[in-house]
Amino acid sequence: MNILLTGGMGYIGSHTAVLLAQAGHTVVLCDNLCNSSLSVLDRLETILGQRLAFVQGDIRDTALLTDTLRQHAIESVVHFAGLKAVGESVANPVLYYANNVQGTVSLLQAMQATGVRKIVFSSSATVYGDPVYLPYDEAHPTEPTNPYGRSKLHVEEMLSDLAKSDASWGVACLRYFNPVGAHDSGLIGEDPNGIPNNLMPFIAQVAVGQRAQLGVFGDDYDTPDGTGVRDYIHVMDLAAGHLAALEFLNRASGWHAINLGSGNGTSVLEMVRAFETASGRPVPYQIAPRRPGDLPSYYANASKALQLLHWQTQRGIDDMCATTWKWQSSGKK
């Protein structure tokens, strides 16, 4: 199958590209490189032994996308491209709606123009908002609490309307929990610009000596050790979820929202201890006040993914930490 990955040079996109290419698919990457690097293309070539096709451009360029879909005879799209920092979305919501929502409209126009009717969308558990109950399942109310989450929900709703209007569309909205880890080669991993927004890359930067200490926001939550609990998923398990979703859409149509998570929670301090073991390095931390809007804990009910996609996570916290450390300590970024 010929598959276009928008945002394919990014963290999750690049790992998914590896798995899709290894499964025998022809992968085309499209990215504007706003949060990624051309060096990823060379790293992918080293891992795969082949050069993947790459188109540099913005998904809001409908003409470029239309040409790309036609030129490469694309059959399915995996849509990763979008901005993803909650704090930035609060400070600059128009930027998020322009990139995430307007960009998706542009992509869908190009897909309509070229007859491509299968799309896997990179959504997020942030669409759920504050938990009414846990674990989150796909029937949980969707009440996102920030512009980032709302942009993801808007896209999901657009895709749902599209699938209702035309039965030939097949749509899988994959609601990620907390992707972490890196490829086993250590050649690709999460490499955020500036100060990391997520826990794992921050811990890794402290362990490697790039940052002095980790700030742990709150140790008085109603959790086993008082720190926040999250559902972490290894990025290669996440990549496998996309492959499974593409295979599912080959036999199903309509709109489907599916959680991708482990179903288990890990606290901040549990992650710190696991990373110290994996790296053999101390991870100094300081307890700081709770951040407004942070939840004590959340985790997935991933039974729908098992039922529809025949998918479940295979890797645990130790492997997440070990592969992250291999990537962080390689000095090749």
C-alpha atoms as a PDB file:
ATOM      1  CA  MET A   1       0.000   0.000   0.000  1.00  0.00           C
ATOM      2  CA  ASN A   2       1.163   3.553  -0.754  1.00  0.00           C
ATOM      3  CA  ILE A   3       0.801   5.583   2.453  1.00  0.00           C
ATOM      4  CA  LEU A   4       1.272   9.318   3.059  1.00  0.00           C
ATOM      5  CA  LEU A   5       2.430  10.318   6.548  1.00  0.00           C
ATOM      6  CA  THR A   6       1.778  14.001   7.254  1.00  0.00           C
ATOM      7  CA  GLY A   7       4.153  15.159   9.969  1.00  0.00           C
ATOM      8  CA  GLY A   8       6.098  12.039   9.113  1.00  0.00           C
ATOM      9  CA  MET A   9       9.472  13.428  10.209  1.00  0.00           C
ATOM     10  CA  GLY A  10       8.275  14.001  13.769  1.00  0.00           C
ATOM     11  CA  TYR A  11       8.605  11.793  16.842  1.00  0.00           C
ATOM     12  CA  ILE A  12       5.657   9.446  16.344  1.00  0.00           C
ATOM     13  CA  GLY A  13       5.597   9.790  12.559  1.00  0.00           C
ATOM     14  CA  SER A  14       9.207   8.689  12.097  1.00  0.00           C
ATOM     15  CA  HIS A  15       8.788   5.597  14.278  1.00  0.00           C
ATOM     16  CA  THR A  16       5.598   4.674  12.440  1.00  0.00           C
ATOM     17  CA  ALA A  17       7.403   5.146   9.110  1.00  0.00           C
ATOM     18  CA  VAL A  18       9.925   2.511  10.177  1.00  0.00           C
ATOM     19  CA  LEU A  19       7.275  -0.043  11.038  1.00  0.00           C
ATOM     20  CA  LEU A  20       5.187   0.581   7.902  1.00  0.00           C
ATOM     21  CA  ALA A  21       8.227   0.332   5.611  1.00  0.00           C
ATOM     22  CA  GLN A  22       9.372  -2.857   7.335  1.00  0.00           C
ATOM     23  CA  ALA A  23       5.884  -4.282   6.782  1.00  0.00           C
ATOM     24  CA  GLY A  24       6.366  -3.785   3.036  1.00  0.00           C
ATOM     25  CA  HIS A  25       4.395  -0.590   2.495  1.00  0.00           C
ATOM     26  CA  THR A  26       5.606   2.336   0.371  1.00  0.00           C
ATOM     27  CA  VAL A  27       5.895   5.332   2.684  1.00  0.00           C
ATOM     28  CA  VAL A  28       5.881   9.005   1.652  1.00  0.00           C
ATOM     29  CA  LEU A  29       6.692  11.613   4.303  1.00  0.00           C
ATOM     30  CA  CYS A  30       5.338  15.183   4.248  1.00  0.00           C
ATOM     31  CA  ASP A  31       6.530  17.697   6.839  1.00  0.00           C
ATOM     32  CA  ASN A  32       7.225  21.432   7.149  1.00  0.00           C
ATOM     33  CA  LEU A  33      10.087  20.688   9.616  1.00  0.00           C
ATOM     34  CA  CYS A  34       8.760  23.183  12.199  1.00  0.00           C
ATOM     35  CA  ASN A  35       9.458  20.670  14.962  1.00  0.00           C
ATOM     36  CA  SER A  36      11.694  18.127  13.251  1.00  0.00           C
ATOM     37  CA  SER A  37      14.921  17.901  11.297  1.00  0.00           C
ATOM     38  CA  LEU A  38      16.064  16.752   7.858  1.00  0.00           C
ATOM     39  CA  SER A  39      18.590  14.532   9.655  1.00  0.00           C
ATOM     40  CA  VAL A  40      15.694  12.185  10.460  1.00  0.00           C
ATOM     41  CA  LEU A  41      15.600  11.206   6.784  1.00  0.00           C
ATOM     42  CA  ASP A  42      19.219  10.010   6.952  1.00  0.00           C
ATOM     43  CA  ARG A  43      18.559   8.129  10.194  1.00  0.00           C
ATOM     44  CA  LEU A  44      15.556   6.389   8.679  1.00  0.00           C
ATOM     45  CA  GLU A  45      17.688   5.376   5.711  1.00  0.00           C
ATOM     46  CA  THR A  46      20.282   3.880   8.084  1.00  0.00           C
ATOM     47  CA  ILE A  47      17.607   1.890   9.917  1.00  0.00           C
ATOM     48  CA  LEU A  48      15.711   0.745   6.818  1.00  0.00           C
ATOM     49  CA  GLY A  49      18.437   0.481   4.200  1.00  0.00           C
ATOM     50  CA  GLN A  50      16.291   2.530   1.844  1.00  0.00           C
ATOM     51  CA  ARG A  51      15.571   6.224   1.251  1.00  0.00           C
ATOM     52  CA  LEU A  52      11.974   7.208   1.916  1.00  0.00           C
ATOM     53  CA  ALA A  53      10.296   9.765  -0.329  1.00  0.00           C
ATOM     54  CA  PHE A  54      10.034  13.168   1.365  1.00  0.00           C
ATOM     55  CA  VAL A  55       7.970  16.228   0.466  1.00  0.00           C
ATOM     56  CA  GLN A  56       8.764  19.418   2.378  1.00  0.00           C
ATOM     57  CA  GLY A  57       5.710  21.599   2.776  1.00  0.00           C
ATOM     58  CA  ASP A  58       2.811  22.708   4.935  1.00  0.00           C
ATOM     59  CA  ILE A  59      -0.430  20.746   5.094  1.00  0.00           C
ATOM     60  CA  ARG A  60      -2.324  24.020   4.579  1.00  0.00           C
ATOM     61  CA  ASP A  61      -0.971  23.975   1.002  1.00  0.00           C
ATOM     62  CA  THR A  62      -3.856  22.062  -0.579  1.00  0.00           C
ATOM     63  CA  ALA A  63      -2.341  22.148  -4.062  1.00  0.00           C
ATOM     64  CA  LEU A  64       0.901  20.597  -2.815  1.00  0.00           C
ATOM     65  CA  LEU A  65      -0.976  17.845  -1.004  1.00  0.00           C
ATOM     66  CA  THR A  66      -3.151  17.148  -4.036  1.00  0.00           C
ATOM     67  CA  ASP A  67      -0.084  16.849  -6.253  1.00  0.00           C
ATOM     68  CA  THR A  68       1.629  14.603  -3.694  1.00  0.00           C
ATOM     69  CA  LEU A  69      -1.354  12.264  -3.408  1.00  0.00           C
ATOM     70  CA  ARG A  70      -1.570  11.966  -7.190  1.00  0.00           C
ATOM     71  CA  GLN A  71       2.139  11.712  -7.924  1.00  0.00           C
ATOM     72  CA  HIS A  72       2.690   8.886  -5.422  1.00  0.00           C
ATOM     73  CA  ALA A  73      -0.657   7.122  -6.056  1.00  0.00           C
ATOM     74  CA  ILE A  74      -1.446   7.340  -2.339  1.00  0.00           C
ATOM     75  CA  GLU A  75      -4.074   4.901  -1.054  1.00  0.00           C
ATOM     76  CA  SER A  76      -4.186   5.792   2.657  1.00  0.00           C
ATOM     77  CA  VAL A  77      -3.117   8.717   4.855  1.00  0.00           C
ATOM     78  CA  VAL A  78      -1.802   8.733   8.412  1.00  0.00           C
ATOM     79  CA  HIS A  79      -2.280  12.284   9.661  1.00  0.00           C
ATOM     80  CA  PHE A  80       0.258  13.233  12.346  1.00  0.00           C
ATOM     81  CA  ALA A  81       0.915  16.869  11.349  1.00  0.00           C
ATOM     82  CA  GLY A  82      -0.116  19.345  14.031  1.00  0.00           C
ATOM     83  CA  LEU A  83       1.050  21.349  17.001  1.00  0.00           C
ATOM     84  CA  LYS A  84       0.821  19.647  20.391  1.00  0.00           C
ATOM     85  CA  ALA A  85       1.880  21.810  23.371  1.00  0.00           C
ATOM     86  CA  VAL A  86      -1.001  22.520  25.757  1.00  0.00           C
ATOM     87  CA  GLY A  87       0.556  25.680  27.248  1.00  0.00           C
ATOM     88  CA  GLU A  88       1.347  27.128  23.833  1.00  0.00           C
ATOM     89  CA  SER A  89      -2.211  26.426  22.699  1.00  0.00           C
ATOM     90  CA  VAL A  90      -3.574  28.430  25.634  1.00  0.00           C
ATOM     91  CA  ALA A  91      -1.234  31.333  24.829  1.00  0.00           C
ATOM     92  CA  ASN A  92      -1.826  31.235  21.062  1.00  0.00           C
ATOM     93  CA  PRO A  93      -5.088  29.430  20.240  1.00  0.00           C
ATOM     94  CA  VAL A  94      -5.370  30.832  16.696  1.00  0.00           C
ATOM     95  CA  LEU A  95      -2.051  29.192  15.813  1.00  0.00           C
ATOM     96  CA  TYR A  96      -3.441  25.833  16.946  1.00  0.00           C
ATOM     97  CA  TYR A  97      -6.728  26.132  15.112  1.00  0.00           C
ATOM     98  CA  ALA A  98      -4.887  27.263  11.959  1.00  0.00           C
ATOM     99  CA  ASN A  99      -2.425  24.372  12.004  1.00  0.00           C
ATOM    100  CA  ASN A 100      -4.531  21.576  13.420  1.00  0.00           C
ATOM    101  CA  VAL A 101      -8.027  22.347  12.133  1.00  0.00           C
ATOM    102  CA  GLN A 102      -7.394  24.423   9.014  1.00  0.00           C
ATOM    103  CA  GLY A 103      -4.542  22.089   8.079  1.00  0.00           C
ATOM    104  CA  THR A 104      -6.850  19.071   8.296  1.00  0.00           C
ATOM    105  CA  VAL A 105      -9.500  20.783   6.152  1.00  0.00           C
ATOM    106  CA  SER A 106      -6.795  21.323   3.529  1.00  0.00           C
ATOM    107  CA  LEU A 107      -5.749  17.670   3.703  1.00  0.00           C
ATOM    108  CA  LEU A 108      -9.341  16.435   3.393  1.00  0.00           C
ATOM    109  CA  GLN A 109      -9.930  18.685   0.376  1.00  0.00           C
ATOM    110  CA  ALA A 110      -6.877  17.150  -1.285  1.00  0.00           C
ATOM    111  CA  MET A 111      -8.070  13.644  -0.414  1.00  0.00           C
ATOM    112  CA  GLN A 112     -11.532  14.356  -1.827  1.00  0.00           C
ATOM    113  CA  ALA A 113      -9.992  15.705  -5.029  1.00  0.00           C
ATOM    114  CA  THR A 114      -7.897  12.563  -5.536  1.00  0.00           C
ATOM    115  CA  GLY A 115     -10.311   9.877  -4.352  1.00  0.00           C
ATOM    116  CA  VAL A 116      -8.279   8.848  -1.288  1.00  0.00           C
ATOM    117  CA  ARG A 117     -10.790   7.694   1.327  1.00  0.00           C
ATOM    118  CA  LYS A 118      -8.809   6.072   4.159  1.00  0.00           C
ATOM    119  CA  ILE A 119      -7.308   8.133   6.977  1.00  0.00           C
ATOM    120  CA  VAL A 120      -5.830   7.351  10.383  1.00  0.00           C
ATOM    121  CA  PHE A 121      -5.860  10.476  12.547  1.00  0.00           C
ATOM    122  CA  SER A 122      -3.407  11.192  15.351  1.00  0.00           C
ATOM    123  CA  SER A 123      -5.802  12.282  18.103  1.00  0.00           C
ATOM    124  CA  SER A 124      -5.291  12.489  21.860  1.00  0.00           C
ATOM    125  CA  ALA A 125      -6.736  11.495  25.209  1.00  0.00           C
ATOM    126  CA  THR A 126      -6.935  15.247  25.909  1.00  0.00           C
ATOM    127  CA  VAL A 127     -10.283  15.193  24.067  1.00  0.00           C
ATOM    128  CA  TYR A 128     -11.814  13.627  27.200  1.00  0.00           C
ATOM    129  CA  GLY A 129     -11.016  16.471  29.603  1.00  0.00           C
ATOM    130  CA  ASP A 130     -11.474  15.975  33.338  1.00  0.00           C
ATOM    131  CA  PRO A 131     -12.467  12.381  34.114  1.00  0.00           C
ATOM    132  CA  VAL A 132     -16.074  11.648  34.921  1.00  0.00           C
ATOM    133  CA  TYR A 133     -14.878   8.103  35.558  1.00  0.00           C
ATOM    134  CA  LEU A 134     -11.710   6.063  35.085  1.00  0.00           C
ATOM    135  CA  PRO A 135     -10.364   4.385  33.122  1.00  0.00           C
ATOM    136  CA  TYR A 136     -11.312   6.492  30.127  1.00  0.00           C
ATOM    137  CA  ASP A 137     -13.154   4.501  27.488  1.00  0.00           C
ATOM    138  CA  GLU A 138     -14.290   5.783  24.107  1.00  0.00           C
ATOM    139  CA  ALA A 139     -17.820   6.432  25.437  1.00  0.00           C
ATOM    140  CA  HIS A 140     -16.477   8.896  28.031  1.00  0.00           C
ATOM    141  CA  PRO A 141     -17.797  12.452  27.516  1.00  0.00           C
ATOM    142  CA  THR A 142     -15.494  14.669  25.452  1.00  0.00           C
ATOM    143  CA  GLU A 143     -14.933  18.004  27.186  1.00  0.00           C
ATOM    144  CA  PRO A 144     -11.359  19.130  26.457  1.00  0.00           C
ATOM    145  CA  THR A 145     -10.040  21.847  28.744  1.00  0.00           C
ATOM    146  CA  ASN A 146      -7.614  23.650  26.417  1.00  0.00           C
ATOM    147  CA  PRO A 147      -7.366  24.776  22.776  1.00  0.00           C
ATOM    148  CA  TYR A 148      -5.014  21.914  21.874  1.00  0.00           C
ATOM    149  CA  GLY A 149      -7.556  19.325  23.004  1.00  0.00           C
ATOM    150  CA  ARG A 150     -10.404  21.234  21.382  1.00  0.00           C
ATOM    151  CA  SER A 151      -8.521  21.358  18.074  1.00  0.00           C
ATOM    152  CA  LYS A 152      -8.177  17.562  18.178  1.00  0.00           C
ATOM    153  CA  LEU A 153     -11.875  17.147  18.985  1.00  0.00           C
ATOM    154  CA  HIS A 154     -12.875  19.540  16.182  1.00  0.00           C
ATOM    155  CA  VAL A 155     -10.922  17.389  13.731  1.00  0.00           C
ATOM    156  CA  GLU A 156     -12.535  14.226  15.062  1.00  0.00           C
ATOM    157  CA  GLU A 157     -15.978  15.812  14.609  1.00  0.00           C
ATOM    158  CA  MET A 158     -15.141  16.895  11.045  1.00  0.00           C
ATOM    159  CA  LEU A 159     -14.031  13.380  10.227  1.00  0.00           C
ATOM    160  CA  SER A 160     -17.194  11.937  11.770  1.00  0.00           C
ATOM    161  CA  ASP A 161     -19.376  14.270   9.675  1.00  0.00           C
ATOM    162  CA  LEU A 162     -17.428  13.319   6.558  1.00  0.00           C
ATOM    163  CA  ALA A 163     -17.831   9.592   7.180  1.00  0.00           C
ATOM    164  CA  LYS A 164     -21.575  10.068   7.732  1.00  0.00           C
ATOM    165  CA  SER A 165     -21.875  11.989   4.472  1.00  0.00           C
ATOM    166  CA  ASP A 166     -20.055   9.407   2.352  1.00  0.00           C
ATOM    167  CA  ALA A 167     -20.005   5.702   3.194  1.00  0.00           C
ATOM    168  CA  SER A 168     -16.823   5.149   1.182  1.00  0.00           C
ATOM    169  CA  TRP A 169     -14.702   6.856   3.869  1.00  0.00           C
ATOM    170  CA  GLY A 170     -12.842   4.859   6.485  1.00  0.00           C
ATOM    171  CA  VAL A 171     -11.603   6.850   9.483  1.00  0.00           C
ATOM    172  CA  ALA A 172      -9.738   5.770  12.617  1.00  0.00           C
ATOM    173  CA  CYS A 173      -9.177   8.441  15.278  1.00  0.00           C
ATOM    174  CA  LEU A 174      -6.477   7.079  17.567  1.00  0.00           C
ATOM    175  CA  ARG A 175      -6.626   8.704  20.989  1.00  0.00           C
ATOM    176  CA  TYR A 176      -3.083   8.500  22.343  1.00  0.00           C
ATOM    177  CA  PHE A 177      -2.250   8.517  25.996  1.00  0.00           C
ATOM    178  CA  ASN A 178       1.435   9.308  26.807  1.00  0.00           C
ATOM    179  CA  PRO A 179       3.920   8.192  24.119  1.00  0.00           C
ATOM    180  CA  VAL A 180       7.501   7.693  25.345  1.00  0.00           C
ATOM    181  CA  GLY A 181      10.566   5.650  24.447  1.00  0.00           C
ATOM    182  CA  ALA A 182      12.634   5.418  21.269  1.00  0.00           C
ATOM    183  CA  HIS A 183      13.588   3.037  18.482  1.00  0.00           C
ATOM    184  CA  ASP A 184      15.814   0.160  19.596  1.00  0.00           C
ATOM    185  CA  SER A 185      18.625   1.437  17.355  1.00  0.00           C
ATOM    186  CA  GLY A 186      18.917   4.662  19.347  1.00  0.00           C
ATOM    187  CA  LEU A 187      18.939   6.541  16.030  1.00  0.00           C
ATOM    188  CA  ILE A 188      15.516   8.192  16.362  1.00  0.00           C
ATOM    189  CA  GLY A 189      13.629   9.366  19.429  1.00  0.00           C
ATOM    190  CA  GLU A 190      11.880  12.335  20.973  1.00  0.00           C
ATOM    191  CA  ASP A 191      13.899  15.518  20.477  1.00  0.00           C
ATOM    192  CA  PRO A 192      11.765  18.500  21.550  1.00  0.00           C
ATOM    193  CA  ASN A 193      12.742  22.068  20.763  1.00  0.00           C
ATOM    194  CA  GLY A 194      13.506  24.123  23.875  1.00  0.00           C
ATOM    195  CA  ILE A 195      12.335  23.038  27.315  1.00  0.00           C
ATOM    196  CA  PRO A 196      10.459  19.718  27.100  1.00  0.00           C
ATOM    197  CA  ASN A 197       6.735  19.806  27.818  1.00  0.00           C
ATOM    198  CA  ASN A 198       6.619  16.114  28.672  1.00  0.00           C
ATOM    199  CA  LEU A 199       8.043  14.182  31.613  1.00  0.00           C
ATOM    200  CA  MET A 200      10.234  11.549  29.922  1.00  0.00           C
ATOM    201  CA  PRO A 201      12.427  13.832  27.765  1.00  0.00           C
ATOM    202  CA  PHE A 202      12.888  16.133  30.764  1.00  0.00           C
ATOM    203  CA  ILE A 203      14.008  13.228  32.966  1.00  0.00           C
ATOM    204  CA  ALA A 204      16.375  12.101  30.204  1.00  0.00           C
ATOM    205  CA  GLN A 205      17.908  15.564  29.896  1.00  0.00           C
ATOM    206  CA  VAL A 206      18.470  15.683  33.672  1.00  0.00           C
ATOM    207  CA  ALA A 207      20.097  12.239  33.628  1.00  0.00           C
ATOM    208  CA  VAL A 208      22.464  13.202  30.814  1.00  0.00           C
ATOM    209  CA  GLY A 209      23.431  16.424  32.620  1.00  0.00           C
ATOM    210  CA  GLN A 210      21.698  18.833  30.237  1.00  0.00           C
ATOM    211  CA  ARG A 211      19.409  20.097  33.012  1.00  0.00           C
ATOM    212  CA  ALA A 212      20.089  20.387  36.739  1.00  0.00           C
ATOM    213  CA  GLN A 213      16.945  18.816  38.152  1.00  0.00           C
ATOM    214  CA  LEU A 214      13.379  17.796  37.519  1.00  0.00           C
ATOM    215  CA  GLY A 215      10.472  19.744  38.954  1.00  0.00           C
ATOM    216  CA  VAL A 216       7.790  17.394  40.332  1.00  0.00           C
ATOM    217  CA  PHE A 217       4.545  19.353  40.398  1.00  0.00           C
ATOM    218  CA  GLY A 218       2.710  18.152  43.477  1.00  0.00           C
ATOM    219  CA  ASP A 219       3.310  15.258  45.864  1.00  0.00           C
ATOM    220  CA  ASP A 220      -0.015  15.382  47.686  1.00  0.00           C
ATOM    221  CA  TYR A 221      -2.354  13.846  45.129  1.00  0.00           C
ATOM    222  CA  ASP A 222      -4.533  10.888  46.047  1.00  0.00           C
ATOM    223  CA  THR A 223      -2.141   8.430  44.390  1.00  0.00           C
ATOM    224  CA  PRO A 224       0.141   5.738  45.855  1.00  0.00           C
ATOM    225  CA  ASP A 225       3.133   8.092  46.278  1.00  0.00           C
ATOM    226  CA  GLY A 226       1.354  11.453  46.005  1.00  0.00           C
ATOM    227  CA  THR A 227       2.641  12.263  42.515  1.00  0.00           C
ATOM    228  CA  GLY A 228       0.647  12.312  39.287  1.00  0.00           C
ATOM    229  CA  VAL A 229      -0.126   9.013  37.583  1.00  0.00           C
ATOM    230  CA  ARG A 230      -0.261   8.694  33.791  1.00  0.00           C
ATOM    231  CA  ASP A 231      -0.699   5.953  31.203  1.00  0.00           C
ATOM    232  CA  TYR A 232       2.564   5.654  29.234  1.00  0.00           C
ATOM    233  CA  ILE A 233       2.859   3.795  25.938  1.00  0.00           C
ATOM    234  CA  HIS A 234       6.062   2.903  24.123  1.00  0.00           C
ATOM    235  CA  VAL A 235       6.298   4.743  20.802  1.00  0.00           C
ATOM    236  CA  MET A 236       6.933   1.480  18.924  1.00  0.00           C
ATOM    237  CA  ASP A 237       3.743   0.004  20.405  1.00  0.00           C
ATOM    238  CA  LEU A 238       2.014   3.189  19.262  1.00  0.00           C
ATOM    239  CA  ALA A 239       3.473   2.748  15.780  1.00  0.00           C
ATOM    240  CA  ALA A 240       2.138  -0.805  15.726  1.00  0.00           C
ATOM    241  CA  GLY A 241      -1.290   0.605  16.557  1.00  0.00           C
ATOM    242  CA  HIS A 242      -1.200   2.680  13.363  1.00  0.00           C
ATOM    243  CA  LEU A 243      -0.262  -0.337  11.264  1.00  0.00           C
ATOM    244  CA  ALA A 244      -3.136  -2.258  12.859  1.00  0.00           C
ATOM    245  CA  ALA A 245      -5.529   0.656  12.213  1.00  0.00           C
ATOM    246  CA  LEU A 246      -4.570   0.778   8.515  1.00  0.00           C
ATOM    247  CA  GLU A 247      -5.185  -2.960   8.227  1.00  0.00           C
ATOM    248  CA  PHE A 248      -8.538  -2.506   9.997  1.00  0.00           C
ATOM    249  CA  LEU A 249      -9.604   0.196   7.516  1.00  0.00           C
ATOM    250  CA  ASN A 250      -8.892  -2.219   4.664  1.00  0.00           C
ATOM    251  CA  ARG A 251     -11.826  -4.277   5.913  1.00  0.00           C
ATOM    252  CA  ALA A 252     -14.029  -1.602   7.523  1.00  0.00           C
ATOM    253  CA  SER A 253     -15.500   1.780   6.684  1.00  0.00           C
ATOM    254  CA  GLY A 254     -17.108   4.498   8.813  1.00  0.00           C
ATOM    255  CA  TRP A 255     -15.706   6.527  11.711  1.00  0.00           C
ATOM    256  CA  HIS A 256     -14.014   4.899  14.709  1.00  0.00           C
ATOM    257  CA  ALA A 257     -12.495   6.434  17.861  1.00  0.00           C
ATOM    258  CA  ILE A 258     -10.007   4.097  19.536  1.00  0.00           C
ATOM    259  CA  ASN A 259      -7.850   4.536  22.639  1.00  0.00           C
ATOM    260  CA  LEU A 260      -4.186   3.583  22.389  1.00  0.00           C
ATOM    261  CA  GLY A 261      -2.807   3.136  25.889  1.00  0.00           C
ATOM    262  CA  SER A 262      -1.511   0.455  28.218  1.00  0.00           C
ATOM    263  CA  GLY A 263      -4.398   0.531  30.657  1.00  0.00           C
ATOM    264  CA  ASN A 264      -1.908   0.976  33.509  1.00  0.00           C
ATOM    265  CA  GLY A 265      -0.770   4.046  35.412  1.00  0.00           C
ATOM    266  CA  THR A 266       2.777   5.009  36.405  1.00  0.00           C
ATOM    267  CA  SER A 267       3.580   7.836  38.820  1.00  0.00           C
ATOM    268  CA  VAL A 268       6.188  10.530  38.298  1.00  0.00           C
ATOM    269  CA  LEU A 269       8.441   9.102  41.004  1.00  0.00           C
ATOM    270  CA  GLU A 270       8.053   5.551  39.694  1.00  0.00           C
ATOM    271  CA  MET A 271       9.229   6.814  36.317  1.00  0.00           C
ATOM    272  CA  VAL A 272      12.171   8.637  37.918  1.00  0.00           C
ATOM    273  CA  ARG A 273      13.285   5.475  39.721  1.00  0.00           C
ATOM    274  CA  ALA A 274      12.917   3.345  36.593  1.00  0.00           C
ATOM    275  CA  PHE A 275      14.984   5.824  34.602  1.00  0.00           C
ATOM    276  CA  GLU A 276      17.726   5.891  37.247  1.00  0.00           C
ATOM    277  CA  THR A 277      17.929   2.096  36.970  1.00  0.00           C
ATOM    278  CA  ALA A 278      18.008   2.153  33.168  1.00  0.00           C
ATOM    279  CA  SER A 279      20.614   4.913  32.915  1.00  0.00           C
ATOM    280  CA  GLY A 280      22.719   4.200  35.985  1.00  0.00           C
ATOM    281  CA  ARG A 281      22.524   7.941  36.632  1.00  0.00           C
ATOM    282  CA  PRO A 282      20.817   9.913  39.409  1.00  0.00           C
ATOM    283  CA  VAL A 283      17.827  12.067  38.478  1.00  0.00           C
ATOM    284  CA  PRO A 284      17.698  14.903  41.051  1.00  0.00           C
ATOM    285  CA  TYR A 285      14.238  16.355  41.553  1.00  0.00           C
ATOM    286  CA  GLN A 286      12.525  19.007  43.618  1.00  0.00           C
ATOM    287  CA  ILE A 287       8.902  19.008  44.683  1.00  0.00           C
ATOM    288  CA  ALA A 288       7.066  22.062  43.352  1.00  0.00           C
ATOM    289  CA  PRO A 289       3.477  23.277  43.767  1.00  0.00           C
ATOM    290  CA  ARG A 290       0.751  21.631  41.752  1.00  0.00           C
ATOM    291  CA  ARG A 291       0.119  23.100  38.315  1.00  0.00           C
ATOM    292  CA  PRO A 292      -3.388  24.395  37.628  1.00  0.00           C
ATOM    293  CA  GLY A 293      -5.374  21.908  35.583  1.00  0.00           C
ATOM    294  CA  ASP A 294      -3.190  18.862  36.265  1.00  0.00           C
ATOM    295  CA  LEU A 295      -5.148  15.707  37.057  1.00  0.00           C
ATOM    296  CA  PRO A 296      -4.180  13.291  39.863  1.00  0.00           C
ATOM    297  CA  SER A 297      -4.302  10.311  37.493  1.00  0.00           C
ATOM    298  CA  TYR A 298      -5.638   9.079  34.208  1.00  0.00           C
ATOM    299  CA  TYR A 299      -5.297   5.915  32.180  1.00  0.00           C
ATOM    300  CA  ALA A 300      -6.968   4.123  29.295  1.00  0.00           C
ATOM    301  CA  ASN A 301      -9.440   1.372  28.850  1.00  0.00           C
ATOM    302  CA  ALA A 302      -7.853  -0.094  25.713  1.00  0.00           C
ATOM    303  CA  SER A 303     -10.226  -3.021  25.226  1.00  0.00           C
ATOM    304  CA  LYS A 304     -11.697  -1.563  22.010  1.00  0.00           C
ATOM    305  CA  ALA A 305      -8.235  -1.550  20.400  1.00  0.00           C
ATOM    306  CA  LEU A 306      -7.865  -5.228  21.277  1.00  0.00           C
ATOM    307  CA  GLN A 307     -11.316  -6.025  19.911  1.00  0.00           C
ATOM    308  CA  LEU A 308     -11.150  -4.055  16.631  1.00  0.00           C
ATOM    309  CA  LEU A 309      -7.433  -3.853  15.879  1.00  0.00           C
ATOM    310  CA  HIS A 310      -6.211  -7.028  17.648  1.00  0.00           C
ATOM    311  CA  TRP A 311      -3.653  -4.703  19.264  1.00  0.00           C
ATOM    312  CA  GLN A 312      -2.296  -4.286  22.772  1.00  0.00           C
ATOM    313  CA  THR A 313       0.907  -2.925  24.253  1.00  0.00           C
ATOM    314  CA  GLN A 314       3.939  -5.217  24.393  1.00  0.00           C
ATOM    315  CA  ARG A 315       6.567  -3.062  26.144  1.00  0.00           C
ATOM    316  CA  GLY A 316       6.758  -1.890  29.735  1.00  0.00           C
ATOM    317  CA  ILE A 317       8.270   1.030  31.639  1.00  0.00           C
ATOM    318  CA  ASP A 318      11.744  -0.542  31.833  1.00  0.00           C
ATOM    319  CA  ASP A 319      11.970  -0.767  28.042  1.00  0.00           C
ATOM    320  CA  MET A 320      10.595   2.763  27.670  1.00  0.00           C
ATOM    321  CA  CYS A 321      13.361   4.067  29.912  1.00  0.00           C
ATOM    322  CA  ALA A 322      16.123   1.917  28.392  1.00  0.00           C
ATOM    323  CA  THR A 323      15.400   2.976  24.802  1.00  0.00           C
ATOM    324  CA  THR A 324      14.994   6.627  25.792  1.00  0.00           C
ATOM    325  CA  TRP A 325      18.381   6.522  27.518  1.00  0.00           C
ATOM    326  CA  LYS A 326      20.015   4.883  24.501  1.00  0.00           C
ATOM    327  CA  TRP A 327      18.676   7.693  22.325  1.00  0.00           C
ATOM    328  CA  GLN A 328      19.446  10.497  24.774  1.00  0.00           C
ATOM    329  CA  SER A 329      22.985   9.327  25.542  1.00  0.00           C
ATOM    330  CA  SER A 330      23.963   8.569  21.943  1.00  0.00           C
ATOM    331  CA  GLY A 331      25.194  12.128  21.345  1.00  0.00           C
ATOM    332  CA  LYS A 332      23.935  11.894  17.749  1.00  0.00           C
ATOM    333  CA  LYS A 333      21.005  14.279  17.975  1.00  0.00           C
END
